[in-house]
């Protein structure tokens, strides 16, 4: 999946997670129902951008898996060499909760682990062949602060 697809699906980083989601059976988001988001998602694209340099984190050993349960709980793991503070490796437990906001069609996560996942806004969409669901986010970097930009696409199994 190319960078243009990631950018097309991207969302901006926003504040705290939304409070509570309506019952699963009553939420419709265009062609995606909230219950369709339940399942396990794996990163199929995960890149870091610093200035003009784009690094494929999956090729460098990173992994990102998260399971969204019908009870609004989430579990998973983020392993990413070199994306932590000062270039530290990240190995984070993503157990927590997820919310879905039907009006803005966004998914947010809250976990105890301090990673970009808790600050990012993920947008659900369908794959081109409609066989599965994607969650995508784009987190802008800050050259002044020296923070990298991150682009992620997660595919439901």
N, C-alpha and C. Protein backbone atom coordinates (compact mmCIF):
# COMPACT_ATOMS: atom_id res chain seq x y z
N UNK A 1 0.85 -1.16 0.00
CA UNK A 1 0.00 0.00 0.00
C UNK A 1 0.89 1.22 0.00
N UNK A 2 0.65 2.15 -0.91
CA UNK A 2 1.51 3.30 -1.08
C UNK A 2 1.19 4.42 -0.12
N UNK A 3 2.12 5.38 -0.08
CA UNK A 3 1.96 6.53 0.79
C UNK A 3 0.71 7.34 0.43
N UNK A 4 0.37 7.38 -0.85
CA UNK A 4 -0.81 8.15 -1.25
C UNK A 4 -2.08 7.57 -0.63
N UNK A 5 -2.14 6.24 -0.50
CA UNK A 5 -3.30 5.61 0.14
C UNK A 5 -3.34 6.00 1.61
N UNK A 6 -2.18 6.01 2.26
CA UNK A 6 -2.12 6.37 3.67
C UNK A 6 -2.58 7.81 3.85
N UNK A 7 -2.06 8.71 3.01
CA UNK A 7 -2.44 10.10 3.12
C UNK A 7 -3.93 10.27 2.87
N UNK A 8 -4.46 9.54 1.91
CA UNK A 8 -5.88 9.61 1.58
C UNK A 8 -6.74 9.22 2.78
N UNK A 9 -6.27 8.27 3.57
CA UNK A 9 -7.04 7.77 4.71
C UNK A 9 -6.69 8.47 6.02
N UNK A 10 -5.76 9.41 5.97
CA UNK A 10 -5.19 9.97 7.19
C UNK A 10 -6.14 10.91 7.91
N UNK A 11 -5.86 11.06 9.21
CA UNK A 11 -6.58 12.02 10.03
C UNK A 11 -5.56 12.79 10.86
N UNK A 12 -5.99 13.88 11.46
CA UNK A 12 -5.08 14.68 12.27
C UNK A 12 -5.12 14.22 13.71
N UNK A 13 -4.05 14.53 14.43
CA UNK A 13 -4.00 14.20 15.85
C UNK A 13 -4.94 15.15 16.59
N UNK A 14 -5.67 14.60 17.54
CA UNK A 14 -6.62 15.43 18.28
C UNK A 14 -6.46 15.21 19.77
N UNK A 15 -7.33 15.81 20.56
CA UNK A 15 -7.25 15.75 22.01
C UNK A 15 -7.72 14.44 22.59
N UNK A 16 -8.37 14.51 23.77
CA UNK A 16 -8.74 13.32 24.52
C UNK A 16 -9.82 12.50 23.82
N UNK A 17 -9.93 11.25 24.23
CA UNK A 17 -10.89 10.32 23.61
C UNK A 17 -12.32 10.73 23.89
N UNK A 18 -13.20 10.34 22.97
CA UNK A 18 -14.63 10.63 23.12
C UNK A 18 -15.20 9.81 24.26
N UNK A 19 -16.19 10.33 24.94
CA UNK A 19 -16.82 9.63 26.05
C UNK A 19 -17.98 8.79 25.56
N UNK A 20 -17.85 7.47 25.71
CA UNK A 20 -18.95 6.56 25.42
C UNK A 20 -19.39 6.55 23.98
N UNK A 21 -19.73 5.40 23.50
CA UNK A 21 -20.26 5.25 22.15
C UNK A 21 -21.66 4.70 22.23
N UNK A 22 -22.52 5.04 21.28
CA UNK A 22 -23.87 4.48 21.27
C UNK A 22 -23.83 2.96 21.13
N UNK A 23 -24.92 2.28 21.42
CA UNK A 23 -24.95 0.82 21.28
C UNK A 23 -24.54 0.40 19.87
N UNK A 24 -23.83 -0.71 19.78
CA UNK A 24 -23.28 -1.17 18.51
C UNK A 24 -24.33 -1.31 17.42
N UNK A 25 -25.49 -1.83 17.76
CA UNK A 25 -26.48 -2.12 16.72
C UNK A 25 -27.13 -0.85 16.15
N UNK A 26 -26.93 0.30 16.77
CA UNK A 26 -27.59 1.51 16.29
C UNK A 26 -26.67 2.47 15.53
N UNK A 27 -25.38 2.15 15.44
CA UNK A 27 -24.44 3.08 14.84
C UNK A 27 -24.12 2.68 13.41
N UNK A 28 -24.31 3.60 12.48
CA UNK A 28 -23.97 3.38 11.08
C UNK A 28 -23.03 4.48 10.64
N UNK A 29 -21.96 4.13 9.94
CA UNK A 29 -21.04 5.14 9.43
C UNK A 29 -20.92 4.96 7.94
N UNK A 30 -21.81 5.56 7.21
CA UNK A 30 -21.78 5.36 5.78
C UNK A 30 -21.97 3.89 5.51
N UNK A 31 -20.94 3.22 5.06
CA UNK A 31 -21.04 1.80 4.75
C UNK A 31 -20.41 0.92 5.82
N UNK A 32 -19.99 1.50 6.94
CA UNK A 32 -19.34 0.72 8.00
C UNK A 32 -20.16 0.81 9.28
N UNK A 33 -20.52 -0.34 9.83
CA UNK A 33 -21.21 -0.40 11.11
C UNK A 33 -20.18 -0.53 12.22
N UNK A 34 -20.51 -0.06 13.41
CA UNK A 34 -19.58 -0.14 14.53
C UNK A 34 -19.18 -1.60 14.79
N UNK A 35 -20.14 -2.51 14.70
CA UNK A 35 -19.81 -3.91 14.99
C UNK A 35 -18.82 -4.50 13.98
N UNK A 36 -18.73 -3.90 12.79
CA UNK A 36 -17.75 -4.36 11.81
C UNK A 36 -16.32 -4.02 12.22
N UNK A 37 -16.18 -3.11 13.17
CA UNK A 37 -14.85 -2.73 13.65
C UNK A 37 -14.31 -3.73 14.66
N UNK A 38 -15.18 -4.57 15.21
CA UNK A 38 -14.75 -5.57 16.19
C UNK A 38 -13.88 -6.60 15.48
N UNK A 39 -12.71 -6.85 16.03
CA UNK A 39 -11.80 -7.82 15.44
C UNK A 39 -10.35 -7.42 15.69
N UNK A 40 -9.45 -8.18 15.10
CA UNK A 40 -8.02 -7.94 15.26
C UNK A 40 -7.46 -7.27 14.02
N UNK A 41 -6.69 -6.22 14.24
CA UNK A 41 -6.08 -5.44 13.17
C UNK A 41 -4.56 -5.54 13.26
N UNK A 42 -3.91 -5.71 12.11
CA UNK A 42 -2.44 -5.76 12.03
C UNK A 42 -1.95 -4.66 11.10
N UNK A 43 -0.81 -4.09 11.44
CA UNK A 43 -0.23 -3.06 10.57
C UNK A 43 0.21 -3.67 9.25
N UNK A 44 -0.22 -3.04 8.16
CA UNK A 44 0.24 -3.43 6.82
C UNK A 44 1.14 -2.35 6.23
N UNK A 45 1.10 -1.16 6.83
CA UNK A 45 1.99 -0.07 6.47
C UNK A 45 2.26 0.71 7.75
N UNK A 46 3.52 1.02 8.01
CA UNK A 46 3.90 1.73 9.23
C UNK A 46 5.20 2.45 8.90
N UNK A 47 5.11 3.76 8.69
CA UNK A 47 6.29 4.53 8.30
C UNK A 47 6.53 5.69 9.25
N UNK A 48 7.79 6.10 9.34
CA UNK A 48 8.21 7.24 10.14
C UNK A 48 8.88 8.22 9.19
N UNK A 49 8.52 9.51 9.30
CA UNK A 49 9.10 10.54 8.45
C UNK A 49 9.81 11.57 9.31
N UNK A 50 11.08 11.80 9.00
CA UNK A 50 11.87 12.84 9.64
C UNK A 50 12.45 13.69 8.50
N UNK A 51 11.97 14.92 8.40
CA UNK A 51 12.39 15.76 7.28
C UNK A 51 11.93 15.13 5.98
N UNK A 52 12.87 14.85 5.10
CA UNK A 52 12.57 14.21 3.81
C UNK A 52 12.76 12.70 3.84
N UNK A 53 13.25 12.17 4.96
CA UNK A 53 13.56 10.74 5.07
C UNK A 53 12.35 9.96 5.58
N UNK A 54 11.94 8.96 4.81
CA UNK A 54 10.83 8.09 5.19
C UNK A 54 11.39 6.69 5.46
N UNK A 55 11.08 6.16 6.64
CA UNK A 55 11.58 4.85 7.05
C UNK A 55 10.41 3.88 7.17
N UNK A 56 10.52 2.72 6.54
CA UNK A 56 9.53 1.66 6.66
C UNK A 56 9.80 0.92 7.96
N UNK A 57 8.99 1.17 8.97
CA UNK A 57 9.21 0.57 10.29
C UNK A 57 8.95 -0.93 10.30
N UNK A 58 8.00 -1.40 9.49
CA UNK A 58 7.75 -2.84 9.44
C UNK A 58 8.97 -3.58 8.91
N UNK A 59 9.63 -3.02 7.91
CA UNK A 59 10.85 -3.65 7.37
C UNK A 59 11.96 -3.65 8.40
N UNK A 60 11.91 -2.69 9.34
CA UNK A 60 12.92 -2.60 10.39
C UNK A 60 12.58 -3.39 11.64
N UNK A 61 11.53 -4.22 11.58
CA UNK A 61 11.21 -5.09 12.72
C UNK A 61 10.04 -4.63 13.58
N UNK A 62 9.38 -3.56 13.20
CA UNK A 62 8.24 -3.09 13.99
C UNK A 62 7.02 -3.97 13.76
N UNK A 63 6.12 -3.97 14.73
CA UNK A 63 4.83 -4.64 14.58
C UNK A 63 3.80 -3.87 15.40
N UNK A 64 2.56 -3.92 14.96
CA UNK A 64 1.48 -3.20 15.61
C UNK A 64 0.22 -4.03 15.39
N UNK A 65 -0.30 -4.61 16.47
CA UNK A 65 -1.52 -5.41 16.42
C UNK A 65 -2.44 -4.92 17.52
N UNK A 66 -3.72 -4.74 17.18
CA UNK A 66 -4.68 -4.33 18.20
C UNK A 66 -6.01 -5.03 17.93
N UNK A 67 -6.63 -5.52 19.00
CA UNK A 67 -7.92 -6.19 18.93
C UNK A 67 -8.97 -5.30 19.56
N UNK A 68 -10.05 -5.05 18.82
CA UNK A 68 -11.18 -4.26 19.30
C UNK A 68 -12.29 -5.24 19.66
N UNK A 69 -12.67 -5.27 20.92
CA UNK A 69 -13.71 -6.18 21.39
C UNK A 69 -15.06 -5.47 21.38
N UNK A 70 -16.13 -6.26 21.29
CA UNK A 70 -17.47 -5.71 21.28
C UNK A 70 -17.81 -4.96 22.56
N UNK A 71 -17.12 -5.27 23.64
CA UNK A 71 -17.35 -4.61 24.92
C UNK A 71 -16.65 -3.26 25.02
N UNK A 72 -16.04 -2.81 23.94
CA UNK A 72 -15.28 -1.55 23.87
C UNK A 72 -13.91 -1.66 24.54
N UNK A 73 -13.50 -2.87 24.89
CA UNK A 73 -12.15 -3.08 25.40
C UNK A 73 -11.22 -3.33 24.21
N UNK A 74 -9.95 -3.05 24.42
CA UNK A 74 -8.97 -3.32 23.37
C UNK A 74 -7.74 -3.97 24.00
N UNK A 75 -7.03 -4.71 23.17
CA UNK A 75 -5.78 -5.33 23.62
C UNK A 75 -4.85 -5.39 22.43
N UNK A 76 -3.58 -5.44 22.70
CA UNK A 76 -2.63 -5.53 21.61
C UNK A 76 -1.24 -5.15 22.04
N UNK A 77 -0.38 -5.01 21.04
CA UNK A 77 1.02 -4.72 21.31
C UNK A 77 1.59 -3.88 20.19
N UNK A 78 2.42 -2.92 20.57
CA UNK A 78 3.16 -2.08 19.64
C UNK A 78 4.64 -2.28 19.91
N UNK A 79 5.36 -2.75 18.91
CA UNK A 79 6.82 -2.91 19.01
C UNK A 79 7.41 -2.11 17.86
N UNK A 80 8.24 -1.12 18.19
CA UNK A 80 8.79 -0.26 17.15
C UNK A 80 10.17 0.23 17.56
N UNK A 81 11.21 -0.33 16.94
CA UNK A 81 12.57 0.12 17.24
C UNK A 81 12.78 1.58 16.84
N UNK A 82 13.28 2.38 17.78
CA UNK A 82 13.73 3.73 17.48
C UNK A 82 12.70 4.83 17.40
N UNK A 83 11.41 4.59 17.73
CA UNK A 83 10.44 5.68 17.60
C UNK A 83 10.10 6.33 18.94
N UNK A 84 10.71 5.86 20.01
CA UNK A 84 10.44 6.44 21.32
C UNK A 84 11.21 7.73 21.55
N UNK A 85 11.06 8.28 22.71
CA UNK A 85 11.76 9.52 23.08
C UNK A 85 13.26 9.30 22.98
N UNK A 86 13.92 10.21 22.28
CA UNK A 86 15.36 10.11 22.11
C UNK A 86 15.79 8.94 21.24
N UNK A 87 14.86 8.41 20.44
CA UNK A 87 15.19 7.28 19.57
C UNK A 87 15.14 5.93 20.26
N UNK A 88 14.51 5.89 21.44
CA UNK A 88 14.41 4.63 22.19
C UNK A 88 13.46 3.67 21.49
N UNK A 89 13.68 2.39 21.73
CA UNK A 89 12.77 1.37 21.22
C UNK A 89 11.46 1.41 22.01
N UNK A 90 10.36 1.09 21.36
CA UNK A 90 9.05 1.04 22.01
C UNK A 90 8.56 -0.40 22.01
N UNK A 91 8.14 -0.88 23.16
CA UNK A 91 7.48 -2.18 23.30
C UNK A 91 6.35 -1.95 24.29
N UNK A 92 5.16 -1.67 23.77
CA UNK A 92 4.05 -1.22 24.62
C UNK A 92 2.86 -2.16 24.56
N UNK A 93 2.29 -2.41 25.73
CA UNK A 93 1.03 -3.15 25.88
C UNK A 93 -0.09 -2.17 25.57
N UNK A 94 -0.97 -2.51 24.64
CA UNK A 94 -2.04 -1.62 24.23
C UNK A 94 -3.39 -1.98 24.84
N UNK A 95 -3.38 -2.70 25.97
CA UNK A 95 -4.63 -3.02 26.64
C UNK A 95 -5.31 -1.74 27.10
N UNK A 96 -6.60 -1.64 26.88
CA UNK A 96 -7.33 -0.45 27.27
C UNK A 96 -8.74 -0.47 26.72
N UNK A 97 -9.14 0.64 26.14
CA UNK A 97 -10.50 0.77 25.62
C UNK A 97 -10.46 1.49 24.28
N UNK A 98 -11.56 1.33 23.53
CA UNK A 98 -11.70 2.05 22.26
C UNK A 98 -13.08 2.65 22.18
N UNK A 99 -13.18 3.76 21.48
CA UNK A 99 -14.46 4.41 21.26
C UNK A 99 -14.61 4.69 19.78
N UNK A 100 -15.85 4.75 19.37
CA UNK A 100 -16.17 5.07 17.98
C UNK A 100 -17.10 6.26 17.98
N UNK A 101 -16.77 7.27 17.21
CA UNK A 101 -17.61 8.45 17.09
C UNK A 101 -18.27 8.43 15.72
N UNK A 102 -19.58 8.15 15.66
CA UNK A 102 -20.24 7.99 14.36
C UNK A 102 -20.33 9.28 13.55
N UNK A 103 -20.44 10.42 14.19
CA UNK A 103 -20.58 11.67 13.45
C UNK A 103 -19.30 12.00 12.68
N UNK A 104 -18.15 11.87 13.35
CA UNK A 104 -16.88 12.17 12.70
C UNK A 104 -16.24 10.93 12.07
N UNK A 105 -16.87 9.77 12.28
CA UNK A 105 -16.37 8.50 11.76
C UNK A 105 -14.92 8.26 12.16
N UNK A 106 -14.68 8.32 13.46
CA UNK A 106 -13.33 8.14 13.98
C UNK A 106 -13.30 7.12 15.10
N UNK A 107 -12.15 6.47 15.23
CA UNK A 107 -11.89 5.52 16.30
C UNK A 107 -10.73 6.08 17.12
N UNK A 108 -10.88 6.02 18.43
CA UNK A 108 -9.81 6.46 19.34
C UNK A 108 -9.56 5.39 20.38
N UNK A 109 -8.33 5.39 20.87
CA UNK A 109 -7.91 4.40 21.86
C UNK A 109 -7.43 5.09 23.12
N UNK A 110 -7.64 4.43 24.25
CA UNK A 110 -7.04 4.90 25.51
C UNK A 110 -6.39 3.71 26.19
N UNK A 111 -5.12 3.87 26.50
CA UNK A 111 -4.34 2.85 27.20
C UNK A 111 -3.46 3.53 28.24
N UNK A 112 -2.92 2.73 29.13
CA UNK A 112 -1.98 3.28 30.11
C UNK A 112 -0.63 3.55 29.46
N UNK A 113 -0.27 2.76 28.46
CA UNK A 113 1.02 2.97 27.78
C UNK A 113 1.00 4.32 27.07
N UNK A 114 2.08 5.06 27.21
CA UNK A 114 2.17 6.37 26.57
C UNK A 114 2.81 6.21 25.20
N UNK A 115 1.94 6.11 24.18
CA UNK A 115 2.40 6.00 22.80
C UNK A 115 1.56 6.95 21.95
N UNK A 116 1.92 7.08 20.70
CA UNK A 116 1.13 7.91 19.79
C UNK A 116 -0.28 7.37 19.60
N UNK A 117 -0.51 6.09 19.87
CA UNK A 117 -1.80 5.46 19.63
C UNK A 117 -2.91 6.16 20.43
N UNK A 118 -2.63 6.54 21.65
CA UNK A 118 -3.63 7.20 22.49
C UNK A 118 -3.96 8.62 22.05
N UNK A 119 -3.08 9.25 21.28
CA UNK A 119 -3.31 10.62 20.81
C UNK A 119 -3.84 10.67 19.38
N UNK A 120 -3.69 9.58 18.66
CA UNK A 120 -4.04 9.57 17.24
C UNK A 120 -5.53 9.35 17.04
N UNK A 121 -6.02 9.84 15.92
CA UNK A 121 -7.40 9.62 15.50
C UNK A 121 -7.34 8.68 14.30
N UNK A 122 -7.99 7.54 14.41
CA UNK A 122 -7.99 6.54 13.34
C UNK A 122 -9.29 6.64 12.56
N UNK A 123 -9.20 6.52 11.26
CA UNK A 123 -10.37 6.56 10.38
C UNK A 123 -10.61 5.18 9.78
N UNK A 124 -11.81 4.63 9.97
CA UNK A 124 -12.12 3.34 9.34
C UNK A 124 -12.52 3.54 7.88
N UNK A 125 -12.19 2.56 7.06
CA UNK A 125 -12.63 2.54 5.66
C UNK A 125 -12.61 1.09 5.19
N UNK A 126 -13.17 0.85 4.04
CA UNK A 126 -13.16 -0.50 3.47
C UNK A 126 -11.97 -0.65 2.53
N UNK A 127 -11.50 -1.89 2.38
CA UNK A 127 -10.49 -2.17 1.37
C UNK A 127 -11.13 -2.00 0.00
N UNK A 128 -10.32 -1.85 -1.03
CA UNK A 128 -10.84 -1.63 -2.38
C UNK A 128 -11.80 -2.73 -2.83
N UNK A 129 -11.51 -3.99 -2.44
CA UNK A 129 -12.38 -5.10 -2.85
C UNK A 129 -13.50 -5.37 -1.85
N UNK A 130 -13.64 -4.50 -0.83
CA UNK A 130 -14.68 -4.59 0.20
C UNK A 130 -14.58 -5.86 1.05
N UNK A 131 -13.41 -6.52 1.04
CA UNK A 131 -13.28 -7.76 1.79
C UNK A 131 -12.94 -7.54 3.27
N UNK A 132 -12.50 -6.36 3.63
CA UNK A 132 -12.13 -6.12 5.01
C UNK A 132 -12.19 -4.63 5.33
N UNK A 133 -11.81 -4.31 6.56
CA UNK A 133 -11.83 -2.95 7.07
C UNK A 133 -10.40 -2.50 7.36
N UNK A 134 -10.12 -1.25 7.05
CA UNK A 134 -8.83 -0.63 7.37
C UNK A 134 -9.04 0.42 8.45
N UNK A 135 -8.05 0.61 9.30
CA UNK A 135 -7.98 1.76 10.21
C UNK A 135 -6.69 2.48 9.86
N UNK A 136 -6.75 3.77 9.65
CA UNK A 136 -5.55 4.51 9.25
C UNK A 136 -5.43 5.79 10.05
N UNK A 137 -4.18 6.20 10.27
CA UNK A 137 -3.92 7.47 10.93
C UNK A 137 -2.63 8.05 10.40
N UNK A 138 -2.51 9.34 10.53
CA UNK A 138 -1.29 10.05 10.18
C UNK A 138 -1.03 11.05 11.29
N UNK A 139 0.11 10.92 11.93
CA UNK A 139 0.49 11.80 13.03
C UNK A 139 1.58 12.72 12.52
N UNK A 140 1.32 14.00 12.51
CA UNK A 140 2.28 14.97 11.99
C UNK A 140 3.48 15.08 12.92
N UNK A 141 4.66 15.15 12.33
CA UNK A 141 5.87 15.38 13.10
C UNK A 141 6.08 16.87 13.30
N UNK A 142 7.07 17.20 14.11
CA UNK A 142 7.41 18.59 14.37
C UNK A 142 8.92 18.73 14.25
N UNK A 143 9.38 19.35 13.16
CA UNK A 143 10.82 19.48 12.94
C UNK A 143 11.48 20.29 14.04
N UNK A 144 10.80 21.32 14.55
CA UNK A 144 11.36 22.16 15.60
C UNK A 144 11.62 21.34 16.86
N UNK A 145 10.65 20.49 17.22
CA UNK A 145 10.80 19.65 18.41
C UNK A 145 11.56 18.36 18.13
N UNK A 146 11.77 18.07 16.85
CA UNK A 146 12.50 16.86 16.49
C UNK A 146 11.67 15.60 16.60
N UNK A 147 10.34 15.72 16.53
CA UNK A 147 9.49 14.53 16.61
C UNK A 147 9.15 14.06 15.20
N UNK A 148 9.19 12.76 14.98
CA UNK A 148 8.90 12.23 13.64
C UNK A 148 7.41 12.19 13.34
N UNK A 149 7.09 12.19 12.05
CA UNK A 149 5.72 11.94 11.62
C UNK A 149 5.53 10.43 11.49
N UNK A 150 4.35 9.95 11.78
CA UNK A 150 4.06 8.52 11.69
C UNK A 150 2.80 8.30 10.86
N UNK A 151 2.84 7.34 9.96
CA UNK A 151 1.68 6.94 9.17
C UNK A 151 1.47 5.45 9.39
N UNK A 152 0.22 5.08 9.69
CA UNK A 152 -0.10 3.68 9.97
C UNK A 152 -1.38 3.29 9.25
N UNK A 153 -1.36 2.10 8.66
CA UNK A 153 -2.57 1.48 8.14
C UNK A 153 -2.67 0.10 8.77
N UNK A 154 -3.83 -0.16 9.40
CA UNK A 154 -4.10 -1.44 10.04
C UNK A 154 -5.20 -2.16 9.25
N UNK A 155 -5.02 -3.44 8.99
CA UNK A 155 -5.99 -4.24 8.24
C UNK A 155 -6.59 -5.27 9.18
N UNK A 156 -7.94 -5.33 9.17
CA UNK A 156 -8.62 -6.35 10.00
C UNK A 156 -8.42 -7.72 9.38
N UNK A 157 -8.11 -8.68 10.23
CA UNK A 157 -7.91 -10.07 9.78
C UNK A 157 -9.21 -10.65 9.30
